[in-house]
Amino acid sequence: MVWGCIWGRNKGPLIPIFEKSVNRWVYIGVDEDGLVEVHQEVHNTFGDPVFQQDNAKIHTAKDTMAWFEEHNFQVMTWPANSPEMNPLEHVWKRLKERMHKRFPEIHKTPGGPDRVRRALAEAITDTWREEIEGDFLEMLWESMPRRVAALLEAKGWYTKY
């Protein structure tokens, strides 16, 4: 599992998560490691950002939402049945495709499960840095108004996105 974020042509850090189970406390820790600095950068560049995430229980837990409020994050309300509307889902798909192309034999890494996880973390981080292009991210970023309008028009049901 990894955490990452995008805005405009930019991407934040990609943070591999090595815990076998991710709960709200792990998620809050990752947000502290990755999101606080990015939030400040986006704020300085664009003004007050709106953070988008899906409705996973760890994302919407009372403690998580309190953390966002405490750190002055505006979190977008997002329909429960529309995770595919998040442009980051398209980034994850491309990241997975590119990683498999660059590292087709990574599943054969010797040394047991922990070594494989470390190799995967390194490979996916390299792929994030080298293969996820600004033009692709900007296209996704610019699609957000259309995505939200389509979702509103469909009253939360299916859209082309």
N, C-alpha and C. Protein backbone atom coordinates (compact mmCIF):
# COMPACT_ATOMS: atom_id res chain seq x y z
N MET A 1 0.85 -1.17 0.00
CA MET A 1 0.00 0.00 0.00
C MET A 1 0.89 1.23 0.00
N VAL A 2 0.44 2.27 -0.71
CA VAL A 2 1.18 3.52 -0.77
C VAL A 2 0.22 4.69 -0.60
N TRP A 3 0.77 5.82 -0.23
CA TRP A 3 0.03 7.07 -0.15
C TRP A 3 0.70 8.04 -1.10
N GLY A 4 -0.10 8.83 -1.81
CA GLY A 4 0.43 9.86 -2.67
C GLY A 4 -0.64 10.90 -2.94
N CYS A 5 -0.21 12.03 -3.49
CA CYS A 5 -1.17 13.07 -3.84
C CYS A 5 -0.67 13.82 -5.07
N ILE A 6 -1.60 14.48 -5.74
CA ILE A 6 -1.28 15.26 -6.94
C ILE A 6 -2.00 16.59 -6.86
N TRP A 7 -1.46 17.58 -7.57
CA TRP A 7 -2.12 18.85 -7.78
C TRP A 7 -1.48 19.50 -9.00
N GLY A 8 -2.34 19.98 -9.90
CA GLY A 8 -1.81 20.57 -11.13
C GLY A 8 -0.90 19.60 -11.85
N ARG A 9 0.29 20.05 -12.20
CA ARG A 9 1.29 19.21 -12.87
C ARG A 9 2.20 18.51 -11.85
N ASN A 10 1.90 18.66 -10.59
CA ASN A 10 2.80 18.23 -9.53
C ASN A 10 2.31 17.00 -8.80
N LYS A 11 3.27 16.31 -8.22
CA LYS A 11 2.94 15.18 -7.36
C LYS A 11 3.68 15.36 -6.05
N GLY A 12 3.01 14.96 -4.99
CA GLY A 12 3.66 14.97 -3.69
C GLY A 12 4.50 13.72 -3.54
N PRO A 13 4.98 13.48 -2.34
CA PRO A 13 5.78 12.27 -2.14
C PRO A 13 4.92 11.02 -2.27
N LEU A 14 5.55 9.94 -2.64
CA LEU A 14 4.89 8.64 -2.60
C LEU A 14 5.42 7.95 -1.36
N ILE A 15 4.53 7.60 -0.46
CA ILE A 15 4.95 7.04 0.82
C ILE A 15 4.50 5.58 0.90
N PRO A 16 5.45 4.65 0.82
CA PRO A 16 5.10 3.24 1.03
C PRO A 16 4.66 3.02 2.48
N ILE A 17 3.65 2.20 2.65
CA ILE A 17 3.14 1.88 3.99
C ILE A 17 3.43 0.40 4.23
N PHE A 18 4.27 0.14 5.20
CA PHE A 18 4.72 -1.23 5.45
C PHE A 18 3.89 -1.96 6.50
N GLU A 19 3.04 -1.25 7.22
CA GLU A 19 2.21 -1.92 8.21
C GLU A 19 1.30 -2.93 7.52
N LYS A 20 1.08 -4.06 8.16
CA LYS A 20 0.23 -5.09 7.55
C LYS A 20 -1.24 -4.69 7.59
N SER A 21 -1.59 -3.85 8.56
CA SER A 21 -2.95 -3.37 8.69
C SER A 21 -2.91 -1.85 8.87
N VAL A 22 -3.69 -1.15 8.07
CA VAL A 22 -3.70 0.30 8.15
C VAL A 22 -4.98 0.74 8.83
N ASN A 23 -4.81 1.39 9.98
CA ASN A 23 -5.97 1.94 10.69
C ASN A 23 -5.90 3.47 10.64
N ARG A 24 -6.82 4.11 11.31
CA ARG A 24 -6.87 5.57 11.26
C ARG A 24 -5.60 6.21 11.79
N TRP A 25 -4.95 5.59 12.77
CA TRP A 25 -3.72 6.17 13.35
C TRP A 25 -2.56 6.09 12.36
N VAL A 26 -2.48 5.00 11.63
CA VAL A 26 -1.46 4.89 10.59
C VAL A 26 -1.72 5.93 9.51
N TYR A 27 -2.98 6.06 9.11
CA TYR A 27 -3.35 7.02 8.08
C TYR A 27 -3.03 8.44 8.51
N ILE A 28 -3.36 8.80 9.73
CA ILE A 28 -3.05 10.14 10.23
C ILE A 28 -1.54 10.36 10.22
N GLY A 29 -0.77 9.35 10.62
CA GLY A 29 0.69 9.47 10.59
C GLY A 29 1.22 9.71 9.19
N VAL A 30 0.66 9.02 8.22
CA VAL A 30 1.07 9.21 6.82
C VAL A 30 0.69 10.61 6.35
N ASP A 31 -0.50 11.07 6.72
CA ASP A 31 -0.90 12.44 6.37
C ASP A 31 0.07 13.45 6.97
N GLU A 32 0.48 13.22 8.20
CA GLU A 32 1.45 14.13 8.83
C GLU A 32 2.77 14.12 8.07
N ASP A 33 3.20 12.94 7.61
CA ASP A 33 4.47 12.82 6.89
C ASP A 33 4.40 13.39 5.48
N GLY A 34 3.26 13.24 4.81
CA GLY A 34 3.20 13.60 3.40
C GLY A 34 2.36 14.80 3.06
N LEU A 35 1.29 15.00 3.80
CA LEU A 35 0.30 15.98 3.37
C LEU A 35 0.51 17.38 3.91
N VAL A 36 1.03 17.50 5.10
CA VAL A 36 1.14 18.82 5.72
C VAL A 36 2.01 19.75 4.86
N GLU A 37 3.18 19.26 4.44
CA GLU A 37 4.08 20.09 3.63
C GLU A 37 3.47 20.39 2.26
N VAL A 38 2.85 19.39 1.66
CA VAL A 38 2.20 19.59 0.36
C VAL A 38 1.07 20.61 0.48
N HIS A 39 0.29 20.50 1.53
CA HIS A 39 -0.82 21.43 1.76
C HIS A 39 -0.32 22.87 1.80
N GLN A 40 0.78 23.09 2.48
CA GLN A 40 1.35 24.44 2.57
C GLN A 40 1.81 24.92 1.21
N GLU A 41 2.46 24.05 0.45
CA GLU A 41 2.92 24.41 -0.89
C GLU A 41 1.75 24.76 -1.81
N VAL A 42 0.71 23.94 -1.78
CA VAL A 42 -0.46 24.20 -2.61
C VAL A 42 -1.13 25.50 -2.17
N HIS A 43 -1.24 25.70 -0.87
CA HIS A 43 -1.83 26.94 -0.33
C HIS A 43 -1.05 28.16 -0.82
N ASN A 44 0.28 28.10 -0.77
CA ASN A 44 1.11 29.23 -1.19
C ASN A 44 0.99 29.49 -2.69
N THR A 45 0.71 28.46 -3.47
CA THR A 45 0.63 28.59 -4.92
C THR A 45 -0.77 28.96 -5.41
N PHE A 46 -1.80 28.29 -4.88
CA PHE A 46 -3.16 28.41 -5.41
C PHE A 46 -4.15 29.05 -4.45
N GLY A 47 -3.81 29.20 -3.21
CA GLY A 47 -4.78 29.64 -2.21
C GLY A 47 -5.25 28.43 -1.42
N ASP A 48 -6.42 28.52 -0.84
CA ASP A 48 -6.92 27.45 0.04
C ASP A 48 -7.28 26.21 -0.75
N PRO A 49 -6.53 25.12 -0.57
CA PRO A 49 -6.83 23.89 -1.30
C PRO A 49 -7.97 23.12 -0.65
N VAL A 50 -8.57 22.26 -1.45
CA VAL A 50 -9.58 21.32 -0.96
C VAL A 50 -9.00 19.93 -1.16
N PHE A 51 -8.91 19.18 -0.08
CA PHE A 51 -8.33 17.84 -0.12
C PHE A 51 -9.42 16.84 -0.48
N GLN A 52 -9.11 15.96 -1.41
CA GLN A 52 -10.06 14.94 -1.83
C GLN A 52 -9.52 13.57 -1.46
N GLN A 53 -10.38 12.76 -0.90
CA GLN A 53 -10.05 11.38 -0.58
C GLN A 53 -11.33 10.58 -0.71
N ASP A 54 -11.20 9.26 -0.79
CA ASP A 54 -12.42 8.45 -0.87
C ASP A 54 -12.99 8.28 0.54
N ASN A 55 -14.02 7.50 0.63
CA ASN A 55 -14.74 7.35 1.90
C ASN A 55 -14.35 6.10 2.68
N ALA A 56 -13.13 5.65 2.51
CA ALA A 56 -12.67 4.52 3.32
C ALA A 56 -12.85 4.88 4.80
N LYS A 57 -13.14 3.89 5.61
CA LYS A 57 -13.41 4.16 7.03
C LYS A 57 -12.26 4.90 7.71
N ILE A 58 -11.02 4.55 7.37
CA ILE A 58 -9.90 5.24 8.00
C ILE A 58 -9.82 6.70 7.58
N HIS A 59 -10.35 7.03 6.40
CA HIS A 59 -10.34 8.41 5.92
C HIS A 59 -11.41 9.25 6.59
N THR A 60 -12.51 8.63 6.94
CA THR A 60 -13.65 9.38 7.49
C THR A 60 -13.84 9.17 8.99
N ALA A 61 -12.92 8.46 9.61
CA ALA A 61 -13.02 8.21 11.06
C ALA A 61 -13.04 9.54 11.82
N LYS A 62 -13.68 9.54 12.93
CA LYS A 62 -13.81 10.75 13.76
C LYS A 62 -12.44 11.35 14.07
N ASP A 63 -11.47 10.51 14.45
CA ASP A 63 -10.13 11.00 14.77
C ASP A 63 -9.44 11.59 13.54
N THR A 64 -9.63 10.96 12.39
CA THR A 64 -9.03 11.47 11.16
C THR A 64 -9.61 12.83 10.81
N MET A 65 -10.92 12.94 10.85
CA MET A 65 -11.56 14.20 10.51
C MET A 65 -11.19 15.29 11.51
N ALA A 66 -11.03 14.92 12.78
CA ALA A 66 -10.58 15.89 13.79
C ALA A 66 -9.17 16.37 13.47
N TRP A 67 -8.31 15.45 13.00
CA TRP A 67 -6.94 15.83 12.62
C TRP A 67 -6.98 16.83 11.46
N PHE A 68 -7.81 16.57 10.45
CA PHE A 68 -7.92 17.49 9.33
C PHE A 68 -8.39 18.87 9.81
N GLU A 69 -9.39 18.87 10.68
CA GLU A 69 -9.90 20.14 11.20
C GLU A 69 -8.83 20.88 12.01
N GLU A 70 -8.13 20.15 12.85
CA GLU A 70 -7.07 20.74 13.67
C GLU A 70 -5.97 21.38 12.81
N HIS A 71 -5.72 20.80 11.64
CA HIS A 71 -4.68 21.30 10.74
C HIS A 71 -5.23 22.20 9.63
N ASN A 72 -6.49 22.62 9.78
CA ASN A 72 -7.14 23.56 8.85
C ASN A 72 -7.22 23.06 7.42
N PHE A 73 -7.50 21.78 7.26
CA PHE A 73 -7.71 21.21 5.93
C PHE A 73 -9.19 21.27 5.61
N GLN A 74 -9.49 21.72 4.41
CA GLN A 74 -10.85 21.61 3.91
C GLN A 74 -10.92 20.30 3.15
N VAL A 75 -11.81 19.40 3.55
CA VAL A 75 -11.93 18.09 2.92
C VAL A 75 -13.22 18.06 2.12
N MET A 76 -13.09 17.68 0.86
CA MET A 76 -14.24 17.60 -0.03
C MET A 76 -15.18 16.48 0.40
N THR A 77 -16.46 16.78 0.43
CA THR A 77 -17.46 15.75 0.65
C THR A 77 -17.56 14.95 -0.63
N TRP A 78 -17.49 13.63 -0.49
CA TRP A 78 -17.41 12.80 -1.69
C TRP A 78 -18.43 11.67 -1.59
N PRO A 79 -19.25 11.47 -2.63
CA PRO A 79 -20.26 10.41 -2.60
C PRO A 79 -19.65 9.03 -2.38
N ALA A 80 -20.29 8.23 -1.59
CA ALA A 80 -19.77 6.91 -1.23
C ALA A 80 -19.57 6.00 -2.44
N ASN A 81 -20.37 6.11 -3.45
CA ASN A 81 -20.30 5.19 -4.58
C ASN A 81 -19.52 5.73 -5.76
N SER A 82 -18.65 6.70 -5.53
CA SER A 82 -17.96 7.33 -6.65
C SER A 82 -16.44 7.38 -6.50
N PRO A 83 -15.81 6.32 -6.04
CA PRO A 83 -14.36 6.39 -5.89
C PRO A 83 -13.64 6.56 -7.22
N GLU A 84 -14.22 6.05 -8.32
CA GLU A 84 -13.57 6.16 -9.62
C GLU A 84 -13.52 7.60 -10.11
N MET A 85 -14.25 8.49 -9.48
CA MET A 85 -14.22 9.90 -9.86
C MET A 85 -12.93 10.58 -9.42
N ASN A 86 -12.26 10.02 -8.47
CA ASN A 86 -11.03 10.61 -7.98
C ASN A 86 -9.94 10.44 -9.05
N PRO A 87 -9.36 11.54 -9.54
CA PRO A 87 -8.36 11.41 -10.60
C PRO A 87 -7.14 10.61 -10.17
N LEU A 88 -6.89 10.52 -8.88
CA LEU A 88 -5.74 9.74 -8.42
C LEU A 88 -5.90 8.27 -8.76
N GLU A 89 -7.13 7.79 -8.92
CA GLU A 89 -7.34 6.39 -9.31
C GLU A 89 -6.71 6.12 -10.67
N HIS A 90 -6.77 7.10 -11.57
CA HIS A 90 -6.14 6.95 -12.89
C HIS A 90 -4.61 6.95 -12.77
N VAL A 91 -4.11 7.71 -11.81
CA VAL A 91 -2.66 7.73 -11.56
C VAL A 91 -2.21 6.38 -11.04
N TRP A 92 -2.97 5.80 -10.10
CA TRP A 92 -2.59 4.48 -9.57
C TRP A 92 -2.56 3.44 -10.68
N LYS A 93 -3.54 3.51 -11.58
CA LYS A 93 -3.58 2.55 -12.69
C LYS A 93 -2.33 2.70 -13.57
N ARG A 94 -2.00 3.92 -13.93
CA ARG A 94 -0.82 4.15 -14.76
C ARG A 94 0.46 3.75 -14.02
N LEU A 95 0.53 4.07 -12.74
CA LEU A 95 1.70 3.71 -11.95
C LEU A 95 1.90 2.20 -11.93
N LYS A 96 0.83 1.46 -11.73
CA LYS A 96 0.91 0.00 -11.71
C LYS A 96 1.36 -0.54 -13.07
N GLU A 97 0.77 -0.02 -14.13
CA GLU A 97 1.16 -0.47 -15.48
C GLU A 97 2.63 -0.19 -15.77
N ARG A 98 3.07 1.01 -15.45
CA ARG A 98 4.46 1.39 -15.72
C ARG A 98 5.44 0.61 -14.84
N MET A 99 5.06 0.37 -13.60
CA MET A 99 5.94 -0.38 -12.71
C MET A 99 6.10 -1.81 -13.21
N HIS A 100 5.00 -2.43 -13.61
CA HIS A 100 5.08 -3.80 -14.13
C HIS A 100 5.93 -3.88 -15.40
N LYS A 101 5.87 -2.84 -16.20
CA LYS A 101 6.67 -2.81 -17.42
C LYS A 101 8.16 -2.64 -17.09
N ARG A 102 8.47 -1.78 -16.15
CA ARG A 102 9.87 -1.52 -15.77
C ARG A 102 10.49 -2.65 -14.95
N PHE A 103 9.67 -3.29 -14.13
CA PHE A 103 10.17 -4.31 -13.20
C PHE A 103 9.34 -5.59 -13.32
N PRO A 104 9.36 -6.25 -14.48
CA PRO A 104 8.48 -7.40 -14.69
C PRO A 104 8.81 -8.62 -13.82
N GLU A 105 10.00 -8.71 -13.31
CA GLU A 105 10.42 -9.87 -12.53
C GLU A 105 10.50 -9.58 -11.03
N ILE A 106 9.96 -8.47 -10.60
CA ILE A 106 10.15 -8.06 -9.21
C ILE A 106 9.55 -9.06 -8.22
N HIS A 107 8.51 -9.74 -8.63
CA HIS A 107 7.88 -10.73 -7.74
C HIS A 107 8.81 -11.90 -7.44
N LYS A 108 9.90 -12.02 -8.20
CA LYS A 108 10.86 -13.10 -7.98
C LYS A 108 12.03 -12.65 -7.10
N THR A 109 11.92 -11.50 -6.49
CA THR A 109 12.99 -10.99 -5.63
C THR A 109 13.27 -11.99 -4.50
N PRO A 110 14.53 -12.41 -4.35
CA PRO A 110 14.85 -13.37 -3.29
C PRO A 110 14.91 -12.69 -1.92
N GLY A 111 14.73 -13.47 -0.88
CA GLY A 111 14.91 -12.95 0.47
C GLY A 111 13.67 -12.93 1.33
N GLY A 112 12.58 -13.46 0.84
CA GLY A 112 11.38 -13.53 1.66
C GLY A 112 10.47 -12.31 1.51
N PRO A 113 9.30 -12.37 2.16
CA PRO A 113 8.27 -11.33 2.00
C PRO A 113 8.73 -9.92 2.34
N ASP A 114 9.50 -9.76 3.42
CA ASP A 114 9.94 -8.42 3.79
C ASP A 114 10.86 -7.82 2.73
N ARG A 115 11.74 -8.64 2.18
CA ARG A 115 12.64 -8.17 1.12
C ARG A 115 11.85 -7.81 -0.13
N VAL A 116 10.83 -8.61 -0.45
CA VAL A 116 9.99 -8.32 -1.62
C VAL A 116 9.26 -7.00 -1.41
N ARG A 117 8.71 -6.78 -0.20
CA ARG A 117 8.02 -5.52 0.08
C ARG A 117 8.95 -4.32 -0.07
N ARG A 118 10.18 -4.46 0.41
CA ARG A 118 11.17 -3.37 0.28
C ARG A 118 11.50 -3.12 -1.20
N ALA A 119 11.67 -4.19 -1.96
CA ALA A 119 11.98 -4.05 -3.39
C ALA A 119 10.80 -3.39 -4.12
N LEU A 120 9.60 -3.79 -3.77
CA LEU A 120 8.40 -3.19 -4.38
C LEU A 120 8.31 -1.70 -4.04
N ALA A 121 8.58 -1.37 -2.77
CA ALA A 121 8.53 0.03 -2.35
C ALA A 121 9.54 0.87 -3.14
N GLU A 122 10.73 0.34 -3.33
CA GLU A 122 11.75 1.06 -4.08
C GLU A 122 11.35 1.19 -5.56
N ALA A 123 10.84 0.12 -6.13
CA ALA A 123 10.43 0.13 -7.53
C ALA A 123 9.28 1.09 -7.78
N ILE A 124 8.29 1.06 -6.91
CA ILE A 124 7.12 1.92 -7.14
C ILE A 124 7.47 3.38 -6.91
N THR A 125 8.37 3.65 -5.97
CA THR A 125 8.81 5.02 -5.73
C THR A 125 9.60 5.54 -6.92
N ASP A 126 10.49 4.72 -7.47
CA ASP A 126 11.24 5.10 -8.67
C ASP A 126 10.30 5.35 -9.84
N THR A 127 9.32 4.48 -10.00
CA THR A 127 8.36 4.63 -11.10
C THR A 127 7.54 5.90 -10.93
N TRP A 128 7.12 6.19 -9.73
CA TRP A 128 6.37 7.42 -9.42
C TRP A 128 7.20 8.64 -9.85
N ARG A 129 8.44 8.65 -9.47
CA ARG A 129 9.33 9.78 -9.75
C ARG A 129 9.63 9.90 -11.25
N GLU A 130 9.87 8.77 -11.91
CA GLU A 130 10.36 8.79 -13.29
C GLU A 130 9.28 8.72 -14.37
N GLU A 131 8.15 8.10 -14.05
CA GLU A 131 7.19 7.73 -15.11
C GLU A 131 5.84 8.46 -15.06
N ILE A 132 5.54 9.14 -13.98
CA ILE A 132 4.25 9.83 -13.89
C ILE A 132 4.49 11.28 -14.29
N GLU A 133 4.04 11.63 -15.50
CA GLU A 133 4.38 12.89 -16.14
C GLU A 133 3.43 14.02 -15.75
N GLY A 134 3.99 15.22 -15.78
CA GLY A 134 3.22 16.42 -15.46
C GLY A 134 2.04 16.65 -16.39
N ASP A 135 2.20 16.37 -17.69
CA ASP A 135 1.10 16.57 -18.64
C ASP A 135 -0.10 15.69 -18.28
N PHE A 136 0.19 14.45 -17.92
CA PHE A 136 -0.87 13.51 -17.53
C PHE A 136 -1.57 14.01 -16.27
N LEU A 137 -0.81 14.45 -15.28
CA LEU A 137 -1.39 14.95 -14.04
C LEU A 137 -2.23 16.20 -14.27
N GLU A 138 -1.72 17.09 -15.10
CA GLU A 138 -2.45 18.33 -15.39
C GLU A 138 -3.78 18.04 -16.09
N MET A 139 -3.78 17.07 -17.01
CA MET A 139 -5.01 16.69 -17.69
C MET A 139 -6.05 16.21 -16.66
N LEU A 140 -5.59 15.39 -15.72
CA LEU A 140 -6.50 14.90 -14.68
C LEU A 140 -7.00 16.04 -13.79
N TRP A 141 -6.09 16.90 -13.40
CA TRP A 141 -6.41 18.04 -12.53
C TRP A 141 -7.48 18.91 -13.20
N GLU A 142 -7.25 19.20 -14.48
CA GLU A 142 -8.18 20.07 -15.20
C GLU A 142 -9.53 19.41 -15.44
N SER A 143 -9.60 18.09 -15.32
CA SER A 143 -10.87 17.39 -15.53
C SER A 143 -11.79 17.47 -14.31
N MET A 144 -11.28 17.92 -13.17
CA MET A 144 -12.10 17.90 -11.95
C MET A 144 -13.42 18.66 -12.06
N PRO A 145 -13.45 19.88 -12.58
CA PRO A 145 -14.76 20.54 -12.70
C PRO A 145 -15.77 19.73 -13.53
N ARG A 146 -15.28 19.10 -14.61
CA ARG A 146 -16.16 18.27 -15.44
C ARG A 146 -16.61 17.03 -14.68
N ARG A 147 -15.70 16.44 -13.93
CA ARG A 147 -16.04 15.24 -13.14
C ARG A 147 -17.12 15.55 -12.12
N VAL A 148 -16.94 16.64 -11.40
CA VAL A 148 -17.90 17.02 -10.35
C VAL A 148 -19.24 17.36 -10.99
N ALA A 149 -19.23 18.12 -12.11
CA ALA A 149 -20.49 18.47 -12.79
C ALA A 149 -21.21 17.21 -13.26
N ALA A 150 -20.47 16.25 -13.82
CA ALA A 150 -21.08 15.00 -14.30
C ALA A 150 -21.67 14.22 -13.13
N LEU A 151 -20.97 14.20 -12.02
CA LEU A 151 -21.46 13.49 -10.85
C LEU A 151 -22.73 14.13 -10.30
N LEU A 152 -22.75 15.46 -10.26
CA LEU A 152 -23.95 16.15 -9.79
C LEU A 152 -25.12 15.91 -10.74
N GLU A 153 -24.85 15.97 -12.03
CA GLU A 153 -25.91 15.74 -13.02
C GLU A 153 -26.47 14.32 -12.91
N ALA A 154 -25.59 13.36 -12.62
CA ALA A 154 -26.01 11.96 -12.49
C ALA A 154 -26.55 11.66 -11.09
N LYS A 155 -26.63 12.69 -10.25
CA LYS A 155 -27.12 12.53 -8.87
C LYS A 155 -26.36 11.42 -8.13
N GLY A 156 -25.04 11.41 -8.34
CA GLY A 156 -24.20 10.44 -7.63
C GLY A 156 -24.11 9.08 -8.29
N TRP A 157 -24.78 8.90 -9.43
CA TRP A 157 -24.73 7.61 -10.10
C TRP A 157 -23.56 7.59 -11.07
N TYR A 158 -23.56 6.64 -11.98
CA TYR A 158 -22.46 6.42 -12.89
C TYR A 158 -22.25 7.58 -13.85
N THR A 159 -20.98 7.82 -14.15
CA THR A 159 -20.60 8.80 -15.17
C THR A 159 -19.57 8.16 -16.09
N LYS A 160 -19.13 8.88 -17.09
CA LYS A 160 -18.13 8.35 -18.02
C LYS A 160 -16.75 8.29 -17.38
N TYR A 161 -16.58 8.90 -16.23
CA TYR A 161 -15.27 8.91 -15.60
C TYR A 161 -15.06 7.67 -14.77
